[in-house]
C-alpha cells in the first residue's frame, strides 16, 4: 500500500484502519451518537488555528454543543502513515481541515484548521525511497474558496 493513499470511497477506507476509525467518528457525530469513547484517547491532545468562535469540533467532542450547531461534512479524506487528513468547505466563508493522529487504532491527537490553507511536509530523514530531504505530502484544496486569501500554515511530520 502506498504511504499516501487518497481515500475518497468507502472501499478504499476499508483498506486503511485509521481512516475507518476517523470515518466512524464523523458518522457517529453526524447521527447524533455521542458514544465515541472507544475512538478517542481520554487524554486527546488538541490544537486549533482559526477564529476563536470556530471551535466547533472541540465543542462537539466535549458535549458543549449539539451536533446541529455545526455540520462537518467531509469532502476528502487522505491517510498518510498514522495521520488522517479530512477537509471540508461550506460556501464562501467556511473552510476547515482536520488532522487526526492515531496510535494503535485510537485517536491521540487532533489538529483543527479553520479558514486556513494547510500544507503538510515530510521532514523525516532520507531513505532509499526519497531522493530529497523534504516533500509535500498534502495541500489544501478549498474549492469554493480558491479566490479568497487564507492564512497559510505548514505542518511537518
N, C-alpha and C. Protein backbone atom coordinates (compact mmCIF):
# COMPACT_ATOMS: atom_id res chain seq x y z
N UNK A 1 0.85 -1.17 0.00
CA UNK A 1 0.00 0.00 0.00
C UNK A 1 0.89 1.24 0.00
N UNK A 2 0.54 2.25 -0.76
CA UNK A 2 1.29 3.49 -0.85
C UNK A 2 1.23 4.23 0.49
N UNK A 3 2.34 4.91 0.83
CA UNK A 3 2.41 5.67 2.08
C UNK A 3 1.32 6.73 2.14
N UNK A 4 1.00 7.37 1.03
CA UNK A 4 -0.01 8.42 0.97
C UNK A 4 -1.14 7.90 0.09
N UNK A 5 -2.24 7.56 0.70
CA UNK A 5 -3.35 6.95 -0.02
C UNK A 5 -4.57 7.85 0.08
N UNK A 6 -5.06 8.31 -1.06
CA UNK A 6 -6.27 9.13 -1.07
C UNK A 6 -7.47 8.22 -0.87
N UNK A 7 -8.30 8.57 0.09
CA UNK A 7 -9.45 7.74 0.42
C UNK A 7 -10.72 8.53 0.16
N UNK A 8 -11.25 8.39 -1.02
CA UNK A 8 -12.47 9.11 -1.33
C UNK A 8 -13.67 8.20 -1.42
N UNK A 9 -13.45 6.90 -1.37
CA UNK A 9 -14.58 5.99 -1.43
C UNK A 9 -14.58 5.09 -0.21
N UNK A 10 -15.72 4.54 0.12
CA UNK A 10 -15.81 3.65 1.26
C UNK A 10 -14.98 2.39 1.05
N UNK A 11 -14.80 1.95 -0.18
CA UNK A 11 -14.00 0.76 -0.44
C UNK A 11 -12.55 0.99 -0.05
N UNK A 12 -12.00 2.17 -0.36
CA UNK A 12 -10.62 2.47 -0.02
C UNK A 12 -10.45 2.58 1.49
N UNK A 13 -11.46 3.10 2.17
CA UNK A 13 -11.37 3.27 3.62
C UNK A 13 -11.24 1.94 4.33
N UNK A 14 -11.82 0.89 3.79
CA UNK A 14 -11.73 -0.43 4.40
C UNK A 14 -10.27 -0.89 4.45
N UNK A 15 -9.47 -0.48 3.49
CA UNK A 15 -8.08 -0.89 3.43
C UNK A 15 -7.22 -0.17 4.45
N UNK A 16 -7.64 0.94 5.00
CA UNK A 16 -6.85 1.70 5.96
C UNK A 16 -7.61 1.80 7.27
N UNK A 17 -7.16 1.11 8.31
CA UNK A 17 -7.90 1.11 9.58
C UNK A 17 -7.98 2.49 10.24
N UNK A 18 -6.96 3.33 10.07
CA UNK A 18 -7.01 4.67 10.66
C UNK A 18 -8.11 5.51 10.02
N UNK A 19 -8.22 5.43 8.70
CA UNK A 19 -9.27 6.17 8.00
C UNK A 19 -10.65 5.64 8.40
N UNK A 20 -10.75 4.33 8.60
CA UNK A 20 -12.02 3.74 9.03
C UNK A 20 -12.43 4.28 10.39
N UNK A 21 -11.48 4.41 11.30
CA UNK A 21 -11.76 4.96 12.63
C UNK A 21 -12.25 6.40 12.53
N UNK A 22 -11.56 7.21 11.75
CA UNK A 22 -11.94 8.62 11.60
C UNK A 22 -13.29 8.74 10.92
N UNK A 23 -13.52 7.93 9.89
CA UNK A 23 -14.82 7.96 9.21
C UNK A 23 -15.94 7.59 10.18
N UNK A 24 -15.69 6.61 11.05
CA UNK A 24 -16.68 6.21 12.06
C UNK A 24 -16.99 7.35 13.01
N UNK A 25 -15.98 8.13 13.35
CA UNK A 25 -16.19 9.28 14.24
C UNK A 25 -17.12 10.30 13.58
N UNK A 26 -16.85 10.66 12.34
CA UNK A 26 -17.72 11.63 11.64
C UNK A 26 -19.14 11.09 11.49
N UNK A 27 -19.27 9.82 11.19
CA UNK A 27 -20.61 9.23 11.04
C UNK A 27 -21.36 9.25 12.37
N UNK A 28 -20.67 8.95 13.47
CA UNK A 28 -21.31 8.98 14.79
C UNK A 28 -21.76 10.39 15.14
N UNK A 29 -20.90 11.37 14.90
CA UNK A 29 -21.26 12.77 15.21
C UNK A 29 -22.41 13.26 14.34
N UNK A 30 -22.40 12.88 13.07
CA UNK A 30 -23.47 13.31 12.16
C UNK A 30 -24.82 12.72 12.56
N UNK A 31 -24.80 11.51 13.13
CA UNK A 31 -26.06 10.86 13.52
C UNK A 31 -26.51 11.26 14.92
N UNK A 32 -25.69 12.09 15.60
CA UNK A 32 -26.04 12.50 16.96
C UNK A 32 -25.61 11.50 18.02
N UNK A 33 -24.89 10.47 17.61
CA UNK A 33 -24.40 9.45 18.54
C UNK A 33 -23.17 9.98 19.26
N UNK A 34 -23.23 10.11 20.56
CA UNK A 34 -22.11 10.63 21.33
C UNK A 34 -21.24 9.51 21.91
N UNK A 35 -21.50 8.27 21.55
CA UNK A 35 -20.71 7.14 22.06
C UNK A 35 -19.47 6.97 21.19
N UNK A 36 -18.49 7.82 21.44
CA UNK A 36 -17.26 7.81 20.65
C UNK A 36 -16.04 7.53 21.51
N UNK A 37 -16.25 7.13 22.75
CA UNK A 37 -15.14 6.96 23.70
C UNK A 37 -14.11 5.94 23.23
N UNK A 38 -14.47 4.93 22.53
CA UNK A 38 -13.51 3.94 22.07
C UNK A 38 -12.67 4.42 20.90
N UNK A 39 -13.07 5.52 20.28
CA UNK A 39 -12.35 6.04 19.12
C UNK A 39 -11.29 7.06 19.50
N UNK A 40 -11.47 7.75 20.62
CA UNK A 40 -10.62 8.87 21.02
C UNK A 40 -9.99 8.59 22.37
N UNK A 41 -8.69 8.87 22.50
CA UNK A 41 -7.99 8.70 23.77
C UNK A 41 -8.54 9.69 24.80
N UNK A 42 -8.55 9.29 26.05
CA UNK A 42 -9.08 10.16 27.11
C UNK A 42 -8.20 11.39 27.31
N UNK A 43 -6.93 11.31 26.92
CA UNK A 43 -6.02 12.46 27.06
C UNK A 43 -5.69 13.04 25.68
N UNK A 44 -6.70 13.20 24.85
CA UNK A 44 -6.55 13.73 23.49
C UNK A 44 -5.78 15.05 23.51
N UNK A 45 -4.75 15.13 22.68
CA UNK A 45 -4.02 16.39 22.50
C UNK A 45 -4.71 17.14 21.37
N UNK A 46 -5.06 18.41 21.62
CA UNK A 46 -5.83 19.18 20.64
C UNK A 46 -5.13 20.49 20.35
N UNK A 47 -5.13 20.90 19.07
CA UNK A 47 -4.54 22.15 18.65
C UNK A 47 -5.48 22.78 17.65
N UNK A 48 -5.66 24.11 17.76
CA UNK A 48 -6.62 24.81 16.90
C UNK A 48 -5.96 26.04 16.28
N UNK A 49 -6.26 26.30 15.01
CA UNK A 49 -5.86 27.54 14.36
C UNK A 49 -7.05 28.08 13.59
N UNK A 50 -7.45 29.29 13.91
CA UNK A 50 -8.57 29.93 13.23
C UNK A 50 -9.27 30.90 14.15
N UNK A 51 -10.39 31.46 13.71
CA UNK A 51 -11.15 32.40 14.54
C UNK A 51 -11.62 31.73 15.83
N UNK A 52 -11.56 32.44 16.94
CA UNK A 52 -11.90 31.88 18.24
C UNK A 52 -13.34 31.37 18.33
N UNK A 53 -14.23 31.90 17.55
CA UNK A 53 -15.63 31.45 17.60
C UNK A 53 -15.88 30.19 16.76
N UNK A 54 -14.82 29.55 16.26
CA UNK A 54 -14.98 28.40 15.37
C UNK A 54 -14.44 27.10 15.98
N UNK A 55 -14.49 26.94 17.28
CA UNK A 55 -14.04 25.70 17.92
C UNK A 55 -15.14 24.65 17.86
N UNK A 56 -15.71 24.46 16.70
CA UNK A 56 -16.89 23.61 16.55
C UNK A 56 -16.64 22.15 16.90
N UNK A 57 -15.56 21.56 16.41
CA UNK A 57 -15.33 20.14 16.67
C UNK A 57 -15.05 19.90 18.16
N UNK A 58 -14.26 20.72 18.79
CA UNK A 58 -13.98 20.51 20.20
C UNK A 58 -15.25 20.64 21.03
N UNK A 59 -16.12 21.58 20.67
CA UNK A 59 -17.40 21.71 21.37
C UNK A 59 -18.25 20.47 21.18
N UNK A 60 -18.19 19.89 20.00
CA UNK A 60 -18.95 18.65 19.75
C UNK A 60 -18.37 17.50 20.57
N UNK A 61 -17.05 17.38 20.57
CA UNK A 61 -16.41 16.27 21.27
C UNK A 61 -16.59 16.34 22.79
N UNK A 62 -16.67 17.56 23.32
CA UNK A 62 -16.83 17.72 24.77
C UNK A 62 -18.30 17.80 25.18
N UNK A 63 -19.21 17.83 24.22
CA UNK A 63 -20.63 17.89 24.54
C UNK A 63 -21.14 19.30 24.81
N UNK A 64 -20.30 20.33 24.57
CA UNK A 64 -20.72 21.72 24.78
C UNK A 64 -21.79 22.16 23.78
N UNK A 65 -21.77 21.54 22.59
CA UNK A 65 -22.75 21.93 21.58
C UNK A 65 -23.41 20.68 21.01
N UNK A 66 -24.58 20.89 20.48
CA UNK A 66 -25.31 19.80 19.83
C UNK A 66 -24.75 19.62 18.42
N UNK A 67 -24.90 18.45 17.87
CA UNK A 67 -24.45 18.19 16.51
C UNK A 67 -25.11 19.08 15.49
N UNK A 68 -26.23 19.68 15.84
CA UNK A 68 -26.94 20.54 14.90
C UNK A 68 -26.36 21.95 14.84
N UNK A 69 -25.47 22.32 15.79
CA UNK A 69 -24.87 23.66 15.79
C UNK A 69 -23.96 23.88 14.58
N UNK A 70 -23.25 22.84 14.18
CA UNK A 70 -22.38 22.92 13.01
C UNK A 70 -22.28 21.51 12.43
N UNK A 71 -22.39 21.39 11.15
CA UNK A 71 -22.31 20.09 10.48
C UNK A 71 -20.97 19.96 9.77
N UNK A 72 -20.18 18.97 10.17
CA UNK A 72 -18.95 18.66 9.46
C UNK A 72 -19.27 17.62 8.40
N UNK A 73 -19.16 18.03 7.14
CA UNK A 73 -19.38 17.13 6.03
C UNK A 73 -18.07 16.98 5.27
N UNK A 74 -17.32 15.92 5.56
CA UNK A 74 -16.03 15.73 4.88
C UNK A 74 -16.18 15.67 3.36
N UNK A 75 -15.31 16.41 2.68
CA UNK A 75 -15.29 16.41 1.21
C UNK A 75 -14.16 15.54 0.68
N UNK A 76 -13.09 15.39 1.49
CA UNK A 76 -11.99 14.50 1.11
C UNK A 76 -11.36 13.95 2.38
N UNK A 77 -10.74 12.78 2.24
CA UNK A 77 -10.04 12.14 3.35
C UNK A 77 -8.80 11.47 2.79
N UNK A 78 -7.65 11.77 3.40
CA UNK A 78 -6.38 11.20 2.98
C UNK A 78 -5.68 10.58 4.18
N UNK A 79 -5.12 9.41 4.00
CA UNK A 79 -4.35 8.74 5.05
C UNK A 79 -2.87 8.81 4.69
N UNK A 80 -2.06 9.28 5.63
CA UNK A 80 -0.62 9.35 5.48
C UNK A 80 -0.03 8.76 6.75
N UNK A 81 0.50 7.56 6.65
CA UNK A 81 1.05 6.86 7.82
C UNK A 81 0.01 6.83 8.93
N UNK A 82 0.32 7.42 10.10
CA UNK A 82 -0.62 7.40 11.23
C UNK A 82 -1.51 8.63 11.27
N UNK A 83 -1.48 9.46 10.22
CA UNK A 83 -2.32 10.66 10.13
C UNK A 83 -3.49 10.41 9.18
N UNK A 84 -4.62 11.02 9.50
CA UNK A 84 -5.74 11.06 8.57
C UNK A 84 -6.12 12.52 8.45
N UNK A 85 -6.10 13.04 7.22
CA UNK A 85 -6.41 14.45 6.96
C UNK A 85 -7.77 14.51 6.30
N UNK A 86 -8.66 15.30 6.89
CA UNK A 86 -10.03 15.43 6.40
C UNK A 86 -10.26 16.90 6.10
N UNK A 87 -10.94 17.17 4.99
CA UNK A 87 -11.14 18.53 4.54
C UNK A 87 -12.60 18.75 4.17
N UNK A 88 -13.09 19.94 4.45
CA UNK A 88 -14.45 20.28 4.07
C UNK A 88 -14.63 21.77 3.90
N UNK A 89 -15.63 22.16 3.15
CA UNK A 89 -15.94 23.57 2.95
C UNK A 89 -17.43 23.71 2.76
N UNK A 90 -17.93 24.82 3.24
CA UNK A 90 -19.36 25.12 3.15
C UNK A 90 -19.51 26.54 2.64
N UNK A 91 -19.74 26.71 1.38
CA UNK A 91 -19.95 28.03 0.80
C UNK A 91 -18.67 28.85 0.77
N UNK A 92 -18.83 30.16 0.72
CA UNK A 92 -17.70 31.07 0.54
C UNK A 92 -17.02 31.48 1.84
N UNK A 93 -17.56 31.14 2.99
CA UNK A 93 -17.00 31.63 4.24
C UNK A 93 -16.39 30.56 5.14
N UNK A 94 -16.64 29.29 4.88
CA UNK A 94 -16.21 28.24 5.80
C UNK A 94 -15.35 27.21 5.08
N UNK A 95 -14.12 27.04 5.57
CA UNK A 95 -13.22 26.01 5.07
C UNK A 95 -12.51 25.44 6.29
N UNK A 96 -12.44 24.12 6.38
CA UNK A 96 -11.78 23.50 7.53
C UNK A 96 -10.95 22.29 7.11
N UNK A 97 -9.88 22.05 7.88
CA UNK A 97 -9.04 20.87 7.71
C UNK A 97 -8.85 20.27 9.10
N UNK A 98 -9.06 18.97 9.21
CA UNK A 98 -8.81 18.25 10.45
C UNK A 98 -7.68 17.26 10.21
N UNK A 99 -6.72 17.24 11.12
CA UNK A 99 -5.64 16.27 11.07
C UNK A 99 -5.76 15.42 12.33
N UNK A 100 -6.02 14.15 12.14
CA UNK A 100 -6.18 13.19 13.23
C UNK A 100 -4.95 12.30 13.25
N UNK A 101 -4.32 12.16 14.42
CA UNK A 101 -3.17 11.28 14.58
C UNK A 101 -3.63 10.10 15.43
N UNK A 102 -3.35 8.90 14.95
CA UNK A 102 -3.80 7.70 15.65
C UNK A 102 -2.62 6.85 16.10
N UNK A 103 -2.80 6.17 17.20
CA UNK A 103 -1.84 5.20 17.70
C UNK A 103 -2.61 3.96 18.10
N UNK A 104 -2.26 2.84 17.52
CA UNK A 104 -2.93 1.58 17.80
C UNK A 104 -4.45 1.67 17.60
N UNK A 105 -4.87 2.40 16.56
CA UNK A 105 -6.28 2.49 16.21
C UNK A 105 -7.10 3.46 17.02
N UNK A 106 -6.45 4.25 17.90
CA UNK A 106 -7.15 5.23 18.73
C UNK A 106 -6.61 6.61 18.40
N UNK A 107 -7.52 7.59 18.30
CA UNK A 107 -7.12 8.97 18.00
C UNK A 107 -6.46 9.55 19.25
N UNK A 108 -5.20 10.00 19.10
CA UNK A 108 -4.46 10.56 20.23
C UNK A 108 -4.21 12.05 20.08
N UNK A 109 -4.24 12.56 18.85
CA UNK A 109 -4.03 13.99 18.62
C UNK A 109 -5.03 14.48 17.58
N UNK A 110 -5.42 15.73 17.74
CA UNK A 110 -6.35 16.35 16.80
C UNK A 110 -5.89 17.77 16.54
N UNK A 111 -5.75 18.12 15.28
CA UNK A 111 -5.40 19.49 14.88
C UNK A 111 -6.50 20.00 13.97
N UNK A 112 -7.06 21.15 14.35
CA UNK A 112 -8.16 21.73 13.58
C UNK A 112 -7.72 23.07 13.01
N UNK A 113 -7.88 23.21 11.70
CA UNK A 113 -7.52 24.43 11.00
C UNK A 113 -8.80 24.97 10.37
N UNK A 114 -9.17 26.18 10.75
CA UNK A 114 -10.42 26.77 10.26
C UNK A 114 -10.08 27.99 9.43
N UNK A 115 -10.54 28.02 8.18
CA UNK A 115 -10.24 29.10 7.24
C UNK A 115 -8.73 29.35 7.17
N UNK A 116 -7.98 28.26 7.03
CA UNK A 116 -6.53 28.29 6.96
C UNK A 116 -6.08 27.33 5.86
N UNK A 117 -5.16 27.79 5.02
CA UNK A 117 -4.57 26.95 3.99
C UNK A 117 -3.48 26.12 4.65
N UNK A 118 -3.50 24.80 4.46
CA UNK A 118 -2.55 23.92 5.12
C UNK A 118 -1.71 23.16 4.10
N UNK A 119 -0.42 23.10 4.35
CA UNK A 119 0.49 22.27 3.57
C UNK A 119 1.18 21.33 4.56
N UNK A 120 1.18 20.04 4.26
CA UNK A 120 1.82 19.04 5.11
C UNK A 120 3.12 18.61 4.44
N UNK A 121 4.22 18.75 5.17
CA UNK A 121 5.55 18.40 4.66
C UNK A 121 6.09 17.20 5.40
N UNK A 122 6.81 16.37 4.68
CA UNK A 122 7.53 15.24 5.26
C UNK A 122 8.97 15.68 5.51
N UNK A 123 9.36 15.78 6.78
CA UNK A 123 10.71 16.21 7.13
C UNK A 123 11.54 15.09 7.74
N UNK A 124 11.08 13.87 7.58
CA UNK A 124 11.83 12.73 8.11
C UNK A 124 13.14 12.57 7.36
N UNK A 125 14.12 11.91 7.99
CA UNK A 125 15.40 11.68 7.31
C UNK A 125 15.21 10.93 5.99
N UNK A 126 16.14 11.15 5.10
CA UNK A 126 16.10 10.48 3.79
C UNK A 126 16.15 8.97 3.94
N UNK A 127 15.50 8.31 3.03
CA UNK A 127 15.61 6.86 2.95
C UNK A 127 15.74 6.48 1.48
N UNK A 128 15.81 5.23 1.19
CA UNK A 128 16.04 4.80 -0.19
C UNK A 128 14.86 5.10 -1.12
N UNK A 129 13.70 5.46 -0.58
CA UNK A 129 12.53 5.73 -1.42
C UNK A 129 12.40 7.21 -1.80
N UNK A 130 13.11 8.08 -1.09
CA UNK A 130 13.01 9.52 -1.37
C UNK A 130 14.37 10.07 -1.71
N UNK A 131 14.43 10.93 -2.70
CA UNK A 131 15.71 11.47 -3.14
C UNK A 131 15.99 12.85 -2.56
N UNK A 132 15.01 13.50 -1.94
CA UNK A 132 15.21 14.82 -1.36
C UNK A 132 14.89 14.78 0.12
N UNK A 133 15.32 15.81 0.86
CA UNK A 133 15.11 15.87 2.29
C UNK A 133 13.71 16.27 2.70
N UNK A 134 12.98 16.96 1.85
CA UNK A 134 11.61 17.35 2.17
C UNK A 134 10.71 17.09 0.98
N UNK A 135 9.44 16.84 1.27
CA UNK A 135 8.48 16.68 0.18
C UNK A 135 7.10 17.04 0.70
N UNK A 136 6.28 17.57 -0.19
CA UNK A 136 4.91 17.90 0.15
C UNK A 136 4.10 16.62 0.11
N UNK A 137 3.43 16.33 1.23
CA UNK A 137 2.58 15.14 1.30
C UNK A 137 1.12 15.47 1.02
N UNK A 138 0.72 16.69 1.37
CA UNK A 138 -0.69 17.06 1.23
C UNK A 138 -0.78 18.57 1.19
N UNK A 139 -1.79 19.09 0.45
CA UNK A 139 -2.02 20.53 0.40
C UNK A 139 -3.52 20.77 0.30
N UNK A 140 -3.95 21.87 0.91
CA UNK A 140 -5.37 22.23 0.91
C UNK A 140 -5.94 22.32 -0.50
N UNK A 141 -7.24 22.01 -0.59
CA UNK A 141 -7.99 22.10 -1.85
C UNK A 141 -9.33 22.79 -1.59
N UNK A 142 -9.33 24.03 -1.12
CA UNK A 142 -10.60 24.68 -0.75
C UNK A 142 -11.37 25.18 -1.96
N UNK A 143 -12.06 24.29 -2.62
CA UNK A 143 -12.70 24.56 -3.91
C UNK A 143 -13.46 25.88 -3.97
N UNK A 144 -14.40 26.09 -3.09
CA UNK A 144 -15.21 27.31 -3.15
C UNK A 144 -14.45 28.55 -2.71
N UNK A 145 -13.31 28.36 -2.06
CA UNK A 145 -12.57 29.49 -1.51
C UNK A 145 -11.27 29.76 -2.26
N UNK A 146 -11.12 29.19 -3.44
CA UNK A 146 -9.86 29.28 -4.17
C UNK A 146 -9.45 30.73 -4.46
N UNK A 147 -10.39 31.62 -4.62
CA UNK A 147 -10.08 33.01 -4.93
C UNK A 147 -9.89 33.88 -3.68
N UNK A 148 -10.11 33.30 -2.52
CA UNK A 148 -10.03 34.04 -1.27
C UNK A 148 -8.64 33.89 -0.64
N UNK A 149 -8.17 34.93 0.00
CA UNK A 149 -6.89 34.87 0.68
C UNK A 149 -7.07 34.20 2.04
N UNK A 150 -6.29 33.15 2.29
CA UNK A 150 -6.34 32.44 3.56
C UNK A 150 -4.94 32.44 4.17
N UNK A 151 -4.84 32.54 5.50
CA UNK A 151 -3.52 32.38 6.11
C UNK A 151 -3.00 30.99 5.84
N UNK A 152 -1.70 30.87 5.63
CA UNK A 152 -1.13 29.58 5.29
C UNK A 152 -0.23 29.07 6.41
N UNK A 153 -0.39 27.79 6.74
CA UNK A 153 0.44 27.14 7.74
C UNK A 153 1.06 25.89 7.14
N UNK A 154 2.19 25.49 7.71
CA UNK A 154 2.85 24.26 7.31
C UNK A 154 2.84 23.33 8.52
N UNK A 155 2.46 22.08 8.29
CA UNK A 155 2.52 21.03 9.31
C UNK A 155 3.62 20.08 8.89
N UNK A 156 4.61 19.89 9.74
CA UNK A 156 5.72 18.98 9.44
C UNK A 156 5.53 17.68 10.18
N UNK A 157 5.67 16.57 9.44
CA UNK A 157 5.60 15.27 10.09
C UNK A 157 6.86 14.48 9.75
